[in-house]
Amino acid sequence: MGSKKKVLWYSDSPTTATGFATVARNLLNVLYKTGKYEFTIVGINHNGAPYDRGRFPYDIYPAMNALASDQRYQDVYGRQLLVDMAATGEFDMVFMIQDTFIVETFMKGLLAVRDKLPKDKKFSIIHYFPIDGKPKQSWIEDVVAKADIPVAYIVTGK
């Protein structure tokens, strides 16, 4: 088998107890077991505390650095950190589990850093997002349409 695909994963940390974290934990578990991927996670709600590396066999970075002198890194969503990590050219793909209205705030920046990378370093963007209300037009045009692979799921009470 060839080398593993390097994935920059952006979601609530799989070590936390949120809905997005549950989705992340389940997807990461299945994908990791294939042996095809190496994950680096920008973990929203991850505080940097040690975690069970047997259960979570990947690097998880806290999305927010409260001590950073640059306010962009004090963001609970870690938007600037994600864009900066993607800009390194080390990843084959960026996989995001996040609401479209959050991704809308940094998608242009993410696309801009990808455009600046050499052709062999460009990453694909997979965006897994909920549709739990009527989406704004900008969310569709500026986020969903810009992802290489948009994956929507619908939450209903019916």
C-alpha atoms as a PDB file:
ATOM      1  CA  MET A   1       0.000   0.000   0.000  1.00  0.00           C
ATOM      2  CA  GLY A   2       1.185   3.536  -0.793  1.00  0.00           C
ATOM      3  CA  SER A   3       1.628   6.319   1.673  1.00  0.00           C
ATOM      4  CA  LYS A   4      -1.258   7.458   3.816  1.00  0.00           C
ATOM      5  CA  LYS A   5      -3.276  10.530   2.870  1.00  0.00           C
ATOM      6  CA  LYS A   6      -2.566  13.378   5.276  1.00  0.00           C
ATOM      7  CA  VAL A   7      -5.768  14.938   6.526  1.00  0.00           C
ATOM      8  CA  LEU A   8      -6.093  18.238   8.348  1.00  0.00           C
ATOM      9  CA  TRP A   9      -9.281  17.636  10.319  1.00  0.00           C
ATOM     10  CA  TYR A  10     -11.331  20.563  11.614  1.00  0.00           C
ATOM     11  CA  SER A  11     -14.149  19.904  14.072  1.00  0.00           C
ATOM     12  CA  ASP A  12     -15.009  19.787  17.712  1.00  0.00           C
ATOM     13  CA  SER A  13     -12.362  17.653  19.361  1.00  0.00           C
ATOM     14  CA  PRO A  14     -13.373  13.982  19.380  1.00  0.00           C
ATOM     15  CA  THR A  15     -12.382  13.990  23.062  1.00  0.00           C
ATOM     16  CA  THR A  16     -15.292  16.280  23.985  1.00  0.00           C
ATOM     17  CA  ALA A  17     -19.015  15.691  24.507  1.00  0.00           C
ATOM     18  CA  THR A  18     -20.728  17.712  21.779  1.00  0.00           C
ATOM     19  CA  GLY A  19     -22.812  16.636  18.809  1.00  0.00           C
ATOM     20  CA  PHE A  20     -20.096  17.535  16.295  1.00  0.00           C
ATOM     21  CA  ALA A  21     -17.547  15.727  18.496  1.00  0.00           C
ATOM     22  CA  THR A  22     -19.676  12.580  18.412  1.00  0.00           C
ATOM     23  CA  VAL A  23     -19.848  12.725  14.620  1.00  0.00           C
ATOM     24  CA  ALA A  24     -16.087  13.361  14.458  1.00  0.00           C
ATOM     25  CA  ARG A  25     -15.301  10.516  16.862  1.00  0.00           C
ATOM     26  CA  ASN A  26     -17.371   8.043  14.821  1.00  0.00           C
ATOM     27  CA  LEU A  27     -16.011   9.123  11.430  1.00  0.00           C
ATOM     28  CA  LEU A  28     -12.410   9.273  12.630  1.00  0.00           C
ATOM     29  CA  ASN A  29     -12.686   5.813  14.148  1.00  0.00           C
ATOM     30  CA  VAL A  30     -13.964   4.274  10.911  1.00  0.00           C
ATOM     31  CA  LEU A  31     -11.544   6.140   8.646  1.00  0.00           C
ATOM     32  CA  TYR A  32      -8.494   5.536  10.851  1.00  0.00           C
ATOM     33  CA  LYS A  33      -9.152   1.778  10.860  1.00  0.00           C
ATOM     34  CA  THR A  34      -8.825   1.694   7.051  1.00  0.00           C
ATOM     35  CA  GLY A  35      -5.113   2.471   7.439  1.00  0.00           C
ATOM     36  CA  LYS A  36      -5.360   4.957   4.553  1.00  0.00           C
ATOM     37  CA  TYR A  37      -5.236   8.212   6.510  1.00  0.00           C
ATOM     38  CA  GLU A  38      -3.058  10.152   8.921  1.00  0.00           C
ATOM     39  CA  PHE A  39      -5.002  12.772  10.871  1.00  0.00           C
ATOM     40  CA  THR A  40      -3.973  16.078  12.395  1.00  0.00           C
ATOM     41  CA  ILE A  41      -6.858  17.711  14.213  1.00  0.00           C
ATOM     42  CA  VAL A  42      -7.657  21.320  14.985  1.00  0.00           C
ATOM     43  CA  GLY A  43      -9.955  20.514  17.896  1.00  0.00           C
ATOM     44  CA  ILE A  44     -12.595  23.010  18.877  1.00  0.00           C
ATOM     45  CA  ASN A  45     -13.213  22.762  22.657  1.00  0.00           C
ATOM     46  CA  HIS A  46      -9.928  20.885  23.142  1.00  0.00           C
ATOM     47  CA  ASN A  47      -8.060  22.466  26.022  1.00  0.00           C
ATOM     48  CA  GLY A  48      -4.692  20.867  25.363  1.00  0.00           C
ATOM     49  CA  ALA A  49      -4.899  18.422  28.259  1.00  0.00           C
ATOM     50  CA  PRO A  50      -3.425  14.955  27.740  1.00  0.00           C
ATOM     51  CA  TYR A  51      -5.830  12.496  26.166  1.00  0.00           C
ATOM     52  CA  ASP A  52      -6.016   8.746  25.593  1.00  0.00           C
ATOM     53  CA  ARG A  53      -3.731   8.199  22.584  1.00  0.00           C
ATOM     54  CA  GLY A  54      -4.935   4.619  22.275  1.00  0.00           C
ATOM     55  CA  ARG A  55      -8.508   5.795  21.805  1.00  0.00           C
ATOM     56  CA  PHE A  56      -7.528   8.900  19.811  1.00  0.00           C
ATOM     57  CA  PRO A  57      -4.362   7.949  17.852  1.00  0.00           C
ATOM     58  CA  TYR A  58      -3.765  11.332  16.224  1.00  0.00           C
ATOM     59  CA  ASP A  59      -2.416  14.755  17.113  1.00  0.00           C
ATOM     60  CA  ILE A  60      -5.096  17.092  18.435  1.00  0.00           C
ATOM     61  CA  TYR A  61      -4.289  20.790  18.671  1.00  0.00           C
ATOM     62  CA  PRO A  62      -6.469  23.184  20.657  1.00  0.00           C
ATOM     63  CA  ALA A  63      -8.336  25.492  18.290  1.00  0.00           C
ATOM     64  CA  MET A  64      -7.867  28.410  20.652  1.00  0.00           C
ATOM     65  CA  ASN A  65      -4.747  29.767  22.324  1.00  0.00           C
ATOM     66  CA  ALA A  66      -5.945  32.157  25.027  1.00  0.00           C
ATOM     67  CA  LEU A  67      -2.364  33.290  25.688  1.00  0.00           C
ATOM     68  CA  ALA A  68      -1.581  34.248  22.087  1.00  0.00           C
ATOM     69  CA  SER A  69      -0.628  37.874  21.588  1.00  0.00           C
ATOM     70  CA  ASP A  70      -2.390  37.882  18.202  1.00  0.00           C
ATOM     71  CA  GLN A  71      -6.159  37.944  18.794  1.00  0.00           C
ATOM     72  CA  ARG A  72      -6.779  35.847  15.674  1.00  0.00           C
ATOM     73  CA  TYR A  73      -5.456  32.854  17.638  1.00  0.00           C
ATOM     74  CA  GLN A  74      -7.724  33.545  20.626  1.00  0.00           C
ATOM     75  CA  ASP A  75     -10.728  32.541  18.515  1.00  0.00           C
ATOM     76  CA  VAL A  76     -12.661  29.599  20.006  1.00  0.00           C
ATOM     77  CA  TYR A  77     -13.146  28.217  16.488  1.00  0.00           C
ATOM     78  CA  GLY A  78      -9.454  28.246  15.581  1.00  0.00           C
ATOM     79  CA  ARG A  79     -10.113  29.696  12.160  1.00  0.00           C
ATOM     80  CA  GLN A  80      -6.700  31.336  11.705  1.00  0.00           C
ATOM     81  CA  LEU A  81      -4.901  28.256  13.026  1.00  0.00           C
ATOM     82  CA  LEU A  82      -6.702  26.074  10.481  1.00  0.00           C
ATOM     83  CA  VAL A  83      -5.846  28.395   7.594  1.00  0.00           C
ATOM     84  CA  ASP A  84      -2.211  28.626   8.728  1.00  0.00           C
ATOM     85  CA  MET A  85      -1.856  24.861   9.047  1.00  0.00           C
ATOM     86  CA  ALA A  86      -3.440  24.334   5.621  1.00  0.00           C
ATOM     87  CA  ALA A  87      -0.981  26.846   4.139  1.00  0.00           C
ATOM     88  CA  THR A  88       1.976  24.596   5.027  1.00  0.00           C
ATOM     89  CA  GLY A  89       1.251  22.356   2.035  1.00  0.00           C
ATOM     90  CA  GLU A  90       1.663  19.276   4.235  1.00  0.00           C
ATOM     91  CA  PHE A  91      -1.898  18.021   3.811  1.00  0.00           C
ATOM     92  CA  ASP A  92      -3.707  16.204   1.018  1.00  0.00           C
ATOM     93  CA  MET A  93      -7.095  17.311   2.254  1.00  0.00           C
ATOM     94  CA  VAL A  94      -8.908  19.493   4.749  1.00  0.00           C
ATOM     95  CA  PHE A  95     -11.942  17.770   6.250  1.00  0.00           C
ATOM     96  CA  MET A  96     -14.317  20.054   8.134  1.00  0.00           C
ATOM     97  CA  ILE A  97     -17.321  19.254  10.306  1.00  0.00           C
ATOM     98  CA  GLN A  98     -18.783  22.662  10.974  1.00  0.00           C
ATOM     99  CA  ASP A  99     -21.747  24.923  10.360  1.00  0.00           C
ATOM    100  CA  THR A 100     -21.698  26.799   7.062  1.00  0.00           C
ATOM    101  CA  PHE A 101     -22.030  30.176   8.784  1.00  0.00           C
ATOM    102  CA  ILE A 102     -18.755  29.558  10.659  1.00  0.00           C
ATOM    103  CA  VAL A 103     -16.908  28.269   7.583  1.00  0.00           C
ATOM    104  CA  GLU A 104     -18.163  31.294   5.625  1.00  0.00           C
ATOM    105  CA  THR A 105     -15.952  33.501   7.822  1.00  0.00           C
ATOM    106  CA  PHE A 106     -12.715  31.843   6.628  1.00  0.00           C
ATOM    107  CA  MET A 107     -13.429  29.954   3.389  1.00  0.00           C
ATOM    108  CA  LYS A 108     -11.956  32.743   1.217  1.00  0.00           C
ATOM    109  CA  GLY A 109      -8.762  32.627   3.278  1.00  0.00           C
ATOM    110  CA  LEU A 110      -8.576  28.841   3.017  1.00  0.00           C
ATOM    111  CA  LEU A 111      -9.054  28.964  -0.748  1.00  0.00           C
ATOM    112  CA  ALA A 112      -6.476  31.762  -1.043  1.00  0.00           C
ATOM    113  CA  VAL A 113      -3.755  29.756   0.716  1.00  0.00           C
ATOM    114  CA  ARG A 114      -4.574  26.717  -1.426  1.00  0.00           C
ATOM    115  CA  ASP A 115      -4.293  28.817  -4.588  1.00  0.00           C
ATOM    116  CA  LYS A 116      -0.796  29.951  -3.540  1.00  0.00           C
ATOM    117  CA  LEU A 117       0.496  26.399  -3.078  1.00  0.00           C
ATOM    118  CA  PRO A 118       2.354  24.572  -5.857  1.00  0.00           C
ATOM    119  CA  LYS A 119       0.124  22.229  -7.853  1.00  0.00           C
ATOM    120  CA  ASP A 120       1.500  19.100  -6.143  1.00  0.00           C
ATOM    121  CA  LYS A 121       0.793  20.581  -2.674  1.00  0.00           C
ATOM    122  CA  LYS A 122      -2.810  21.695  -3.208  1.00  0.00           C
ATOM    123  CA  PHE A 123      -5.347  20.105  -0.852  1.00  0.00           C
ATOM    124  CA  SER A 124      -8.941  19.170  -1.464  1.00  0.00           C
ATOM    125  CA  ILE A 125     -11.682  20.476   0.804  1.00  0.00           C
ATOM    126  CA  ILE A 126     -14.390  18.244   2.210  1.00  0.00           C
ATOM    127  CA  HIS A 127     -17.093  20.013   4.204  1.00  0.00           C
ATOM    128  CA  TYR A 128     -19.550  17.924   6.245  1.00  0.00           C
ATOM    129  CA  PHE A 129     -22.320  20.195   7.513  1.00  0.00           C
ATOM    130  CA  PRO A 130     -25.862  20.123   8.857  1.00  0.00           C
ATOM    131  CA  ILE A 131     -28.919  21.585   7.211  1.00  0.00           C
ATOM    132  CA  ASP A 132     -31.142  22.293  10.196  1.00  0.00           C
ATOM    133  CA  GLY A 133     -32.862  25.410   8.932  1.00  0.00           C
ATOM    134  CA  LYS A 134     -33.172  27.495   5.796  1.00  0.00           C
ATOM    135  CA  PRO A 135     -29.628  28.280   4.603  1.00  0.00           C
ATOM    136  CA  LYS A 136     -28.660  31.772   3.530  1.00  0.00           C
ATOM    137  CA  GLN A 137     -27.722  32.190  -0.125  1.00  0.00           C
ATOM    138  CA  SER A 138     -24.152  33.189   0.818  1.00  0.00           C
ATOM    139  CA  TRP A 139     -23.682  29.936   2.734  1.00  0.00           C
ATOM    140  CA  ILE A 140     -24.507  28.007  -0.420  1.00  0.00           C
ATOM    141  CA  GLU A 141     -22.558  30.205  -2.866  1.00  0.00           C
ATOM    142  CA  ASP A 142     -19.521  31.052  -0.733  1.00  0.00           C
ATOM    143  CA  VAL A 143     -19.109  27.841   1.250  1.00  0.00           C
ATOM    144  CA  VAL A 144     -20.943  24.770  -0.055  1.00  0.00           C
ATOM    145  CA  ALA A 145     -20.248  25.528  -3.731  1.00  0.00           C
ATOM    146  CA  LYS A 146     -16.563  26.158  -2.976  1.00  0.00           C
ATOM    147  CA  ALA A 147     -15.926  22.822  -1.247  1.00  0.00           C
ATOM    148  CA  ASP A 148     -14.573  20.072  -3.482  1.00  0.00           C
ATOM    149  CA  ILE A 149     -16.850  17.605  -1.731  1.00  0.00           C
ATOM    150  CA  PRO A 150     -19.778  19.086   0.210  1.00  0.00           C
ATOM    151  CA  VAL A 151     -21.613  16.574   2.393  1.00  0.00           C
ATOM    152  CA  ALA A 152     -24.911  17.682   3.891  1.00  0.00           C
ATOM    153  CA  TYR A 153     -26.922  15.912   6.519  1.00  0.00           C
ATOM    154  CA  ILE A 154     -30.388  16.854   7.623  1.00  0.00           C
ATOM    155  CA  VAL A 155     -31.631  16.829  11.183  1.00  0.00           C
ATOM    156  CA  THR A 156     -35.377  16.445  11.421  1.00  0.00           C
ATOM    157  CA  GLY A 157     -37.838  15.626  14.136  1.00  0.00           C
ATOM    158  CA  LYS A 158     -40.086  13.717  11.750  1.00  0.00           C
END
